[in-house]
Amino acid sequence: MDVPEPKPTRGWVSLYAAAFALVLIGGGLLVVAALGQLRSIGLLWVSAASSIAAAGLAIASVLLPRRR
């Protein structure tokens, strides 16, 4: 009787948690930039980069197979 091998499970909780942390950091930087009345555009760029990195990590956390 052939027993099929189980498919590799997907999803990395650690990557998803890192993505969530980056979203919180990006949001915090956006608030700091807004409270400073946007005197410097640098914080906005860092906030945007943090959000983009978070999106990339969230996608990777779903697509990458989990190690065993």
N, C-alpha and C. Protein backbone atom coordinates (compact mmCIF):
# COMPACT_ATOMS: atom_id res chain seq x y z
N MET A 1 0.84 -1.17 0.00
CA MET A 1 0.00 0.00 0.00
C MET A 1 0.89 1.25 0.00
N ASP A 2 0.71 2.11 -0.98
CA ASP A 2 1.49 3.34 -1.07
C ASP A 2 0.86 4.42 -0.19
N VAL A 3 1.71 4.99 0.65
CA VAL A 3 1.27 6.11 1.48
C VAL A 3 1.88 7.37 0.90
N PRO A 4 1.06 8.31 0.45
CA PRO A 4 1.61 9.53 -0.14
C PRO A 4 2.32 10.36 0.93
N GLU A 5 3.43 10.98 0.50
CA GLU A 5 4.15 11.85 1.42
C GLU A 5 3.33 13.12 1.66
N PRO A 6 3.34 13.59 2.89
CA PRO A 6 2.58 14.81 3.16
C PRO A 6 3.21 16.01 2.44
N LYS A 7 2.36 16.90 2.00
CA LYS A 7 2.84 18.13 1.35
C LYS A 7 3.51 19.00 2.40
N PRO A 8 4.53 19.74 1.99
CA PRO A 8 5.16 20.64 2.97
C PRO A 8 4.17 21.72 3.39
N THR A 9 4.12 21.97 4.66
CA THR A 9 3.22 23.00 5.16
C THR A 9 3.81 24.37 4.86
N ARG A 10 2.95 25.32 4.70
CA ARG A 10 3.40 26.67 4.37
C ARG A 10 3.11 27.59 5.55
N GLY A 11 3.86 28.64 5.62
CA GLY A 11 3.61 29.67 6.61
C GLY A 11 4.67 29.74 7.69
N TRP A 12 5.25 30.90 7.82
CA TRP A 12 6.23 31.16 8.86
C TRP A 12 5.64 32.20 9.79
N VAL A 13 5.36 31.81 11.00
CA VAL A 13 4.80 32.75 11.97
C VAL A 13 5.83 33.81 12.34
N SER A 14 7.10 33.43 12.38
CA SER A 14 8.15 34.39 12.74
C SER A 14 8.27 35.51 11.71
N LEU A 15 8.16 35.17 10.43
CA LEU A 15 8.21 36.21 9.39
C LEU A 15 6.97 37.10 9.47
N TYR A 16 5.84 36.50 9.75
CA TYR A 16 4.61 37.28 9.87
C TYR A 16 4.70 38.23 11.07
N ALA A 17 5.27 37.75 12.17
CA ALA A 17 5.44 38.60 13.35
C ALA A 17 6.40 39.75 13.06
N ALA A 18 7.46 39.47 12.31
CA ALA A 18 8.40 40.53 11.93
C ALA A 18 7.71 41.56 11.03
N ALA A 19 6.86 41.09 10.13
CA ALA A 19 6.11 42.01 9.26
C ALA A 19 5.19 42.90 10.09
N PHE A 20 4.54 42.30 11.09
CA PHE A 20 3.66 43.08 11.96
C PHE A 20 4.45 44.13 12.73
N ALA A 21 5.63 43.75 13.21
CA ALA A 21 6.48 44.71 13.92
C ALA A 21 6.89 45.86 13.00
N LEU A 22 7.22 45.54 11.75
CA LEU A 22 7.59 46.60 10.81
C LEU A 22 6.42 47.53 10.51
N VAL A 23 5.21 47.00 10.47
CA VAL A 23 4.04 47.85 10.26
C VAL A 23 3.86 48.80 11.45
N LEU A 24 4.05 48.27 12.66
CA LEU A 24 3.94 49.14 13.84
C LEU A 24 5.02 50.21 13.84
N ILE A 25 6.24 49.85 13.46
CA ILE A 25 7.33 50.82 13.40
C ILE A 25 7.03 51.88 12.34
N GLY A 26 6.56 51.45 11.18
CA GLY A 26 6.22 52.40 10.11
C GLY A 26 5.11 53.35 10.53
N GLY A 27 4.12 52.81 11.20
CA GLY A 27 3.03 53.66 11.69
C GLY A 27 3.51 54.65 12.74
N GLY A 28 4.37 54.19 13.63
CA GLY A 28 4.92 55.09 14.65
C GLY A 28 5.75 56.20 14.03
N LEU A 29 6.54 55.86 13.04
CA LEU A 29 7.34 56.89 12.36
C LEU A 29 6.45 57.89 11.63
N LEU A 30 5.35 57.41 11.08
CA LEU A 30 4.42 58.31 10.41
C LEU A 30 3.80 59.28 11.41
N VAL A 31 3.45 58.78 12.59
CA VAL A 31 2.89 59.65 13.64
C VAL A 31 3.92 60.68 14.08
N VAL A 32 5.16 60.24 14.28
CA VAL A 32 6.23 61.17 14.69
C VAL A 32 6.44 62.24 13.63
N ALA A 33 6.42 61.84 12.36
CA ALA A 33 6.59 62.81 11.29
C ALA A 33 5.42 63.79 11.25
N ALA A 34 4.21 63.30 11.50
CA ALA A 34 3.04 64.19 11.48
C ALA A 34 3.06 65.14 12.67
N LEU A 35 3.50 64.66 13.82
CA LEU A 35 3.56 65.54 14.98
C LEU A 35 4.63 66.61 14.83
N GLY A 36 5.66 66.29 14.09
CA GLY A 36 6.71 67.28 13.79
C GLY A 36 6.31 68.19 12.65
N GLN A 37 5.08 68.12 12.23
CA GLN A 37 4.50 68.92 11.15
C GLN A 37 5.31 68.78 9.86
N LEU A 38 5.83 67.58 9.66
CA LEU A 38 6.49 67.21 8.41
C LEU A 38 7.61 68.17 8.01
N ARG A 39 8.43 68.53 8.99
CA ARG A 39 9.57 69.41 8.68
C ARG A 39 10.62 68.68 7.85
N SER A 40 10.70 67.37 8.06
CA SER A 40 11.68 66.58 7.32
C SER A 40 10.95 65.45 6.61
N ILE A 41 11.26 65.25 5.35
CA ILE A 41 10.62 64.19 4.58
C ILE A 41 11.30 62.84 4.82
N GLY A 42 12.44 62.86 5.50
CA GLY A 42 13.20 61.64 5.75
C GLY A 42 12.41 60.59 6.51
N LEU A 43 11.69 61.02 7.54
CA LEU A 43 10.89 60.06 8.32
C LEU A 43 9.79 59.43 7.47
N LEU A 44 9.24 60.18 6.54
CA LEU A 44 8.22 59.62 5.66
C LEU A 44 8.81 58.54 4.76
N TRP A 45 10.03 58.75 4.28
CA TRP A 45 10.69 57.75 3.44
C TRP A 45 10.99 56.48 4.23
N VAL A 46 11.44 56.65 5.47
CA VAL A 46 11.73 55.49 6.31
C VAL A 46 10.44 54.74 6.64
N SER A 47 9.37 55.49 6.88
CA SER A 47 8.08 54.87 7.15
C SER A 47 7.58 54.09 5.93
N ALA A 48 7.74 54.66 4.75
CA ALA A 48 7.32 53.98 3.53
C ALA A 48 8.15 52.73 3.29
N ALA A 49 9.45 52.83 3.51
CA ALA A 49 10.32 51.66 3.34
C ALA A 49 9.97 50.56 4.32
N SER A 50 9.64 50.94 5.53
CA SER A 50 9.24 49.97 6.55
C SER A 50 7.94 49.27 6.14
N SER A 51 7.02 50.01 5.60
CA SER A 51 5.75 49.43 5.17
C SER A 51 5.94 48.49 3.99
N ILE A 52 6.79 48.87 3.05
CA ILE A 52 7.06 48.01 1.89
C ILE A 52 7.76 46.73 2.33
N ALA A 53 8.72 46.86 3.24
CA ALA A 53 9.41 45.67 3.75
C ALA A 53 8.43 44.76 4.50
N ALA A 54 7.51 45.36 5.23
CA ALA A 54 6.50 44.57 5.95
C ALA A 54 5.62 43.80 4.99
N ALA A 55 5.23 44.44 3.90
CA ALA A 55 4.41 43.75 2.90
C ALA A 55 5.18 42.59 2.28
N GLY A 56 6.45 42.81 1.99
CA GLY A 56 7.27 41.74 1.43
C GLY A 56 7.43 40.57 2.40
N LEU A 57 7.65 40.87 3.66
CA LEU A 57 7.76 39.80 4.66
C LEU A 57 6.45 39.04 4.84
N ALA A 58 5.34 39.76 4.80
CA ALA A 58 4.04 39.10 4.95
C ALA A 58 3.79 38.16 3.79
N ILE A 59 4.13 38.57 2.59
CA ILE A 59 3.95 37.70 1.42
C ILE A 59 4.89 36.51 1.52
N ALA A 60 6.14 36.75 1.91
CA ALA A 60 7.10 35.66 2.06
C ALA A 60 6.67 34.67 3.13
N SER A 61 6.05 35.18 4.20
CA SER A 61 5.64 34.29 5.29
C SER A 61 4.56 33.31 4.84
N VAL A 62 3.81 33.67 3.84
CA VAL A 62 2.75 32.78 3.34
C VAL A 62 3.28 31.87 2.25
N LEU A 63 4.17 32.35 1.42
CA LEU A 63 4.62 31.58 0.26
C LEU A 63 5.73 30.59 0.55
N LEU A 64 6.61 30.91 1.47
CA LEU A 64 7.75 30.04 1.76
C LEU A 64 7.32 28.80 2.53
N PRO A 65 7.83 27.63 2.16
CA PRO A 65 7.52 26.43 2.93
C PRO A 65 8.21 26.46 4.28
N ARG A 66 7.54 25.92 5.26
CA ARG A 66 8.08 25.92 6.61
C ARG A 66 9.13 24.81 6.75
N ARG A 67 10.21 25.11 7.46
CA ARG A 67 11.23 24.10 7.72
C ARG A 67 10.75 23.15 8.80
N ARG A 68 11.25 21.93 8.75
CA ARG A 68 10.89 20.97 9.79
C ARG A 68 12.07 20.63 10.62
